[in-house]
PDB file of N, CA and C in Angstrom:
ATOM      1  N   MET A   1       0.839  -1.098   0.125  1.00  0.00           N
ATOM      2  CA  MET A   1       0.208  -0.556  -0.330  1.00  0.00           C
ATOM      3  C   MET A   1       0.819   1.498  -0.070  1.00  0.00           C
ATOM      4  N   ALA A   2       2.617   1.637   1.127  1.00  0.00           N
ATOM      5  CA  ALA A   2       2.720   2.329   0.921  1.00  0.00           C
ATOM      6  C   ALA A   2       3.159   3.259  -0.202  1.00  0.00           C
ATOM      7  N   ALA A   3       3.507   1.739  -1.377  1.00  0.00           N
ATOM      8  CA  ALA A   3       3.758   1.627  -2.999  1.00  0.00           C
ATOM      9  C   ALA A   3       3.215   1.903  -3.403  1.00  0.00           C
ATOM     10  N   LEU A   4       1.967   2.107  -3.601  1.00  0.00           N
ATOM     11  CA  LEU A   4       0.971   3.176  -4.342  1.00  0.00           C
ATOM     12  C   LEU A   4       1.209   5.377  -4.119  1.00  0.00           C
ATOM     13  N   TYR A   5       1.283   4.756  -2.470  1.00  0.00           N
ATOM     14  CA  TYR A   5       1.947   6.943  -2.327  1.00  0.00           C
ATOM     15  C   TYR A   5       3.323   7.025  -3.007  1.00  0.00           C
ATOM     16  N   TYR A   6       3.423   6.722  -3.608  1.00  0.00           N
ATOM     17  CA  TYR A   6       5.173   6.530  -4.431  1.00  0.00           C
ATOM     18  C   TYR A   6       4.457   7.000  -6.137  1.00  0.00           C
ATOM     19  N   MET A   7       3.563   5.608  -6.514  1.00  0.00           N
ATOM     20  CA  MET A   7       3.388   5.680  -7.944  1.00  0.00           C
ATOM     21  C   MET A   7       2.672   6.047  -8.393  1.00  0.00           C
ATOM     22  N   ILE A   8       1.456   6.420  -7.316  1.00  0.00           N
ATOM     23  CA  ILE A   8       0.829   7.259  -8.157  1.00  0.00           C
ATOM     24  C   ILE A   8       1.293   9.273  -8.589  1.00  0.00           C
ATOM     25  N   PRO A   9       1.816   9.959  -7.689  1.00  0.00           N
ATOM     26  CA  PRO A   9       2.571  10.384  -8.063  1.00  0.00           C
ATOM     27  C   PRO A   9       3.257  10.435  -9.335  1.00  0.00           C
ATOM     28  N   ALA A  10       4.325   9.550  -9.267  1.00  0.00           N
ATOM     29  CA  ALA A  10       5.082   9.014 -10.600  1.00  0.00           C
ATOM     30  C   ALA A  10       4.270   9.374 -11.825  1.00  0.00           C
ATOM     31  N   ALA A  11       3.268   8.773 -11.407  1.00  0.00           N
ATOM     32  CA  ALA A  11       2.662   8.068 -13.377  1.00  0.00           C
ATOM     33  C   ALA A  11       1.945   9.800 -13.519  1.00  0.00           C
ATOM     34  N   ILE A  12       1.236  10.707 -12.488  1.00  0.00           N
ATOM     35  CA  ILE A  12       0.740  12.079 -12.850  1.00  0.00           C
ATOM     36  C   ILE A  12       2.132  13.175 -13.536  1.00  0.00           C
ATOM     37  N   GLY A  13       2.846  12.770 -12.953  1.00  0.00           N
ATOM     38  CA  GLY A  13       3.893  13.025 -13.502  1.00  0.00           C
ATOM     39  C   GLY A  13       4.357  12.617 -14.722  1.00  0.00           C
ATOM     40  N   LEU A  14       4.385  11.367 -15.055  1.00  0.00           N
ATOM     41  CA  LEU A  14       5.276  10.886 -17.031  1.00  0.00           C
ATOM     42  C   LEU A  14       3.536  11.560 -17.529  1.00  0.00           C
ATOM     43  N   VAL A  15       2.641  11.695 -17.042  1.00  0.00           N
ATOM     44  CA  VAL A  15       1.626  11.317 -18.527  1.00  0.00           C
ATOM     45  C   VAL A  15       2.139  13.224 -17.798  1.00  0.00           C
ATOM     46  N   ALA A  16       2.438  14.130 -17.534  1.00  0.00           N
ATOM     47  CA  ALA A  16       2.574  15.237 -17.293  1.00  0.00           C
ATOM     48  C   ALA A  16       3.176  16.567 -18.019  1.00  0.00           C
ATOM     49  N   LEU A  17       4.386  14.597 -18.312  1.00  0.00           N
ATOM     50  CA  LEU A  17       5.427  15.559 -18.826  1.00  0.00           C
ATOM     51  C   LEU A  17       5.000  14.846 -20.536  1.00  0.00           C
ATOM     52  N   ALA A  18       4.235  13.992 -20.717  1.00  0.00           N
ATOM     53  CA  ALA A  18       4.341  13.239 -22.221  1.00  0.00           C
ATOM     54  C   ALA A  18       3.119  15.004 -22.262  1.00  0.00           C
ATOM     55  N   ILE A  19       2.066  14.842 -21.497  1.00  0.00           N
ATOM     56  CA  ILE A  19       1.346  16.522 -23.048  1.00  0.00           C
ATOM     57  C   ILE A  19       2.150  17.408 -23.138  1.00  0.00           C
ATOM     58  N   TRP A  20       3.520  17.811 -21.706  1.00  0.00           N
ATOM     59  CA  TRP A  20       3.921  19.243 -22.293  1.00  0.00           C
ATOM     60  C   TRP A  20       4.246  18.638 -23.386  1.00  0.00           C
ATOM     61  N   CYS A  21       5.232  17.403 -23.710  1.00  0.00           N
ATOM     62  CA  CYS A  21       6.434  17.490 -24.725  1.00  0.00           C
ATOM     63  C   CYS A  21       4.790  17.208 -26.155  1.00  0.00           C
ATOM     64  N   PHE A  22       4.169  16.336 -25.942  1.00  0.00           N
ATOM     65  CA  PHE A  22       3.100  16.791 -27.084  1.00  0.00           C
ATOM     66  C   PHE A  22       3.177  18.079 -27.031  1.00  0.00           C
ATOM     67  N   PHE A  23       2.341  19.420 -26.753  1.00  0.00           N
ATOM     68  CA  PHE A  23       1.780  20.192 -26.747  1.00  0.00           C
ATOM     69  C   PHE A  23       3.229  21.358 -27.886  1.00  0.00           C
ATOM     70  N   TRP A  24       3.838  21.174 -26.946  1.00  0.00           N
ATOM     71  CA  TRP A  24       5.962  21.814 -27.367  1.00  0.00           C
ATOM     72  C   TRP A  24       5.867  20.839 -29.023  1.00  0.00           C
ATOM     73  N   ALA A  25       5.674  19.898 -29.014  1.00  0.00           N
ATOM     74  CA  ALA A  25       6.290  19.536 -30.850  1.00  0.00           C
ATOM     75  C   ALA A  25       5.618  19.971 -31.416  1.00  0.00           C
ATOM     76  N   VAL A  26       4.033  20.267 -30.765  1.00  0.00           N
ATOM     77  CA  VAL A  26       2.511  21.090 -31.285  1.00  0.00           C
ATOM     78  C   VAL A  26       2.969  22.279 -32.105  1.00  0.00           C
ATOM     79  N   ASN A  27       3.891  22.925 -30.679  1.00  0.00           N
ATOM     80  CA  ASN A  27       3.666  24.468 -31.170  1.00  0.00           C
ATOM     81  C   ASN A  27       5.367  24.997 -31.360  1.00  0.00           C
ATOM     82  N   SER A  28       6.381  23.838 -31.381  1.00  0.00           N
ATOM     83  CA  SER A  28       6.855  24.430 -32.102  1.00  0.00           C
ATOM     84  C   SER A  28       6.918  23.500 -33.724  1.00  0.00           C
ATOM     85  N   GLY A  29       6.249  23.517 -34.718  1.00  0.00           N
ATOM     86  CA  GLY A  29       6.093  23.166 -36.458  1.00  0.00           C
ATOM     87  C   GLY A  29       5.980  21.736 -35.972  1.00  0.00           C
ATOM     88  N   GLN A  30       6.818  21.114 -35.547  1.00  0.00           N
ATOM     89  CA  GLN A  30       6.097  19.471 -35.976  1.00  0.00           C
ATOM     90  C   GLN A  30       5.783  18.654 -36.698  1.00  0.00           C
ATOM     91  N   PHE A  31       4.696  18.695 -36.858  1.00  0.00           N
ATOM     92  CA  PHE A  31       3.439  17.884 -37.504  1.00  0.00           C
ATOM     93  C   PHE A  31       2.776  19.789 -38.929  1.00  0.00           C
ATOM     94  N   ASP A  32       3.648  19.974 -38.243  1.00  0.00           N
ATOM     95  CA  ASP A  32       2.975  21.107 -39.718  1.00  0.00           C
ATOM     96  C   ASP A  32       3.387  20.590 -41.173  1.00  0.00           C
ATOM     97  N   ASP A  33       4.024  20.095 -41.615  1.00  0.00           N
ATOM     98  CA  ASP A  33       4.172  19.545 -43.245  1.00  0.00           C
ATOM     99  C   ASP A  33       4.530  18.126 -42.983  1.00  0.00           C
ATOM    100  N   LEU A  34       3.381  16.989 -42.560  1.00  0.00           N
ATOM    101  CA  LEU A  34       3.738  15.862 -42.395  1.00  0.00           C
ATOM    102  C   LEU A  34       3.529  14.901 -44.331  1.00  0.00           C
ATOM    103  N   ASP A  35       3.595  15.486 -45.238  1.00  0.00           N
ATOM    104  CA  ASP A  35       3.836  14.479 -47.031  1.00  0.00           C
ATOM    105  C   ASP A  35       5.031  14.971 -47.194  1.00  0.00           C
ATOM    106  N   GLY A  36       5.422  16.286 -46.869  1.00  0.00           N
ATOM    107  CA  GLY A  36       6.874  16.175 -47.484  1.00  0.00           C
ATOM    108  C   GLY A  36       7.755  15.934 -47.334  1.00  0.00           C
ATOM    109  N   PRO A  37       8.384  14.819 -46.470  1.00  0.00           N
ATOM    110  CA  PRO A  37       9.275  14.160 -46.306  1.00  0.00           C
ATOM    111  C   PRO A  37       9.094  12.724 -47.112  1.00  0.00           C
ATOM    112  N   ALA A  38       7.298  12.592 -46.922  1.00  0.00           N
ATOM    113  CA  ALA A  38       7.523  10.864 -47.266  1.00  0.00           C
ATOM    114  C   ALA A  38       7.671  11.316 -48.550  1.00  0.00           C
ATOM    115  N   HIS A  39       6.499  12.493 -49.324  1.00  0.00           N
ATOM    116  CA  HIS A  39       7.074  12.704 -51.455  1.00  0.00           C
ATOM    117  C   HIS A  39       8.588  12.192 -51.335  1.00  0.00           C
ATOM    118  N   SER A  40       9.287  13.542 -50.810  1.00  0.00           N
ATOM    119  CA  SER A  40      10.843  14.225 -51.459  1.00  0.00           C
ATOM    120  C   SER A  40      11.343  12.983 -51.682  1.00  0.00           C
ATOM    121  N   ILE A  41      12.391  11.764 -50.711  1.00  0.00           N
ATOM    122  CA  ILE A  41      12.807  11.190 -51.225  1.00  0.00           C
ATOM    123  C   ILE A  41      12.001   9.868 -52.934  1.00  0.00           C
ATOM    124  N   LEU A  42      11.088  10.514 -53.181  1.00  0.00           N
ATOM    125  CA  LEU A  42      10.425   9.685 -54.924  1.00  0.00           C
ATOM    126  C   LEU A  42      11.250  11.193 -55.829  1.00  0.00           C
ATOM    127  N   PHE A  43      11.221  12.214 -55.647  1.00  0.00           N
ATOM    128  CA  PHE A  43      11.568  13.007 -56.326  1.00  0.00           C
ATOM    129  C   PHE A  43      13.879  13.186 -56.640  1.00  0.00           C
ATOM    130  N   ASP A  44      14.145  13.445 -57.639  1.00  0.00           N
ATOM    131  CA  ASP A  44      15.526  13.956 -57.850  1.00  0.00           C
ATOM    132  C   ASP A  44      15.777  15.259 -57.239  1.00  0.00           C
ATOM    133  N   ASP A  45      16.701  15.074 -56.882  1.00  0.00           N
ATOM    134  CA  ASP A  45      17.579  16.783 -56.379  1.00  0.00           C
ATOM    135  C   ASP A  45      17.974  17.501 -56.601  1.00  0.00           C
ATOM    136  N   GLU A  46      18.037  16.881 -57.861  1.00  0.00           N
ATOM    137  CA  GLU A  46      18.127  18.398 -59.546  1.00  0.00           C
ATOM    138  C   GLU A  46      17.222  18.803 -60.120  1.00  0.00           C
ATOM    139  N   ASP A  47      16.101  18.126 -59.933  1.00  0.00           N
ATOM    140  CA  ASP A  47      14.712  18.450 -60.475  1.00  0.00           C
ATOM    141  C   ASP A  47      14.490  19.942 -60.538  1.00  0.00           C
ATOM    142  N   PRO A  48      14.039  20.964 -61.965  1.00  0.00           N
ATOM    143  CA  PRO A  48      14.127  23.157 -61.096  1.00  0.00           C
ATOM    144  C   PRO A  48      12.509  22.232 -60.461  1.00  0.00           C
ATOM    145  N   ALA A  49      11.842  21.245 -60.910  1.00  0.00           N
ATOM    146  CA  ALA A  49      10.502  21.744 -59.947  1.00  0.00           C
ATOM    147  C   ALA A  49      10.315  20.869 -58.507  1.00  0.00           C
ATOM    148  N   HIS A  50      11.272  20.047 -58.473  1.00  0.00           N
ATOM    149  CA  HIS A  50      11.751  19.874 -57.769  1.00  0.00           C
ATOM    150  C   HIS A  50      12.052  20.659 -56.189  1.00  0.00           C
ATOM    151  N   LEU A  51      13.067  21.863 -56.700  1.00  0.00           N
ATOM    152  CA  LEU A  51      13.933  22.530 -56.355  1.00  0.00           C
ATOM    153  C   LEU A  51      13.514  23.869 -56.378  1.00  0.00           C
ATOM    154  N   ASP A  52      12.041  24.198 -56.624  1.00  0.00           N
ATOM    155  CA  ASP A  52      10.975  25.194 -56.479  1.00  0.00           C
ATOM    156  C   ASP A  52      10.223  24.949 -55.424  1.00  0.00           C
ATOM    157  N   GLY A  53       9.578  23.821 -55.625  1.00  0.00           N
ATOM    158  CA  GLY A  53       8.766  23.472 -54.494  1.00  0.00           C
ATOM    159  C   GLY A  53       9.666  23.748 -52.600  1.00  0.00           C
ATOM    160  N   ILE A  54      10.660  22.992 -52.910  1.00  0.00           N
ATOM    161  CA  ILE A  54      11.690  23.509 -51.708  1.00  0.00           C
ATOM    162  C   ILE A  54      11.690  25.062 -51.398  1.00  0.00           C
ATOM    163  N   GLU A  55      12.109  25.196 -52.018  1.00  0.00           N
ATOM    164  CA  GLU A  55      11.952  27.471 -52.213  1.00  0.00           C
ATOM    165  C   GLU A  55      10.723  27.611 -51.807  1.00  0.00           C
ATOM    166  N   GLN A  56       9.809  27.283 -52.409  1.00  0.00           N
ATOM    167  CA  GLN A  56       8.448  27.723 -51.872  1.00  0.00           C
ATOM    168  C   GLN A  56       8.101  26.846 -50.843  1.00  0.00           C
ATOM    169  N   ALA A  57       8.514  25.911 -49.847  1.00  0.00           N
ATOM    170  CA  ALA A  57       7.757  25.123 -48.829  1.00  0.00           C
ATOM    171  C   ALA A  57       8.786  25.901 -47.407  1.00  0.00           C
ATOM    172  N   ASP A  58       9.996  26.046 -47.869  1.00  0.00           N
ATOM    173  CA  ASP A  58      10.890  27.335 -46.982  1.00  0.00           C
ATOM    174  C   ASP A  58      10.605  28.228 -46.955  1.00  0.00           C
ATOM    175  N   ALA A  59       9.244  29.123 -47.924  1.00  0.00           N
ATOM    176  CA  ALA A  59       9.011  30.622 -47.924  1.00  0.00           C
ATOM    177  C   ALA A  59       8.396  31.175 -46.961  1.00  0.00           C
ATOM    178  N   LYS A  60       7.525  29.731 -46.951  1.00  0.00           N
ATOM    179  CA  LYS A  60       6.294  29.255 -46.216  1.00  0.00           C
ATOM    180  C   LYS A  60       6.227  28.892 -45.495  1.00  0.00           C
ATOM    181  N   ALA A  61       7.379  28.078 -44.813  1.00  0.00           N
ATOM    182  CA  ALA A  61       8.294  28.293 -43.359  1.00  0.00           C
ATOM    183  C   ALA A  61       7.694  29.037 -42.401  1.00  0.00           C
ATOM    184  N   LYS A  62       8.640  30.409 -43.253  1.00  0.00           N
ATOM    185  CA  LYS A  62       9.485  31.454 -42.104  1.00  0.00           C
ATOM    186  C   LYS A  62       7.987  32.658 -42.191  1.00  0.00           C
ATOM    187  N   ARG A  63       7.518  32.796 -43.237  1.00  0.00           N
ATOM    188  CA  ARG A  63       6.032  33.064 -42.921  1.00  0.00           C
ATOM    189  C   ARG A  63       5.001  32.582 -42.165  1.00  0.00           C
ATOM    190  N   ASP A  64       5.263  31.273 -41.622  1.00  0.00           N
ATOM    191  CA  ASP A  64       4.165  31.103 -40.607  1.00  0.00           C
ATOM    192  C   ASP A  64       5.171  30.773 -39.424  1.00  0.00           C
TER     193      ASP A  64
END
């Protein structure tokens, strides 16, 4: 029974840490572009259209 006095606050603290990490990731932009990295591997790095898309994504990221 005495172990519960340590385990419950530890569990609550762990959940609070996980929630804080999630909100930090959302606010720092970790989930802004989920499709870009997945599709970028399919394109040639020297392709002008691909380079234009990268520039547009960078410009959009700087505006946000």
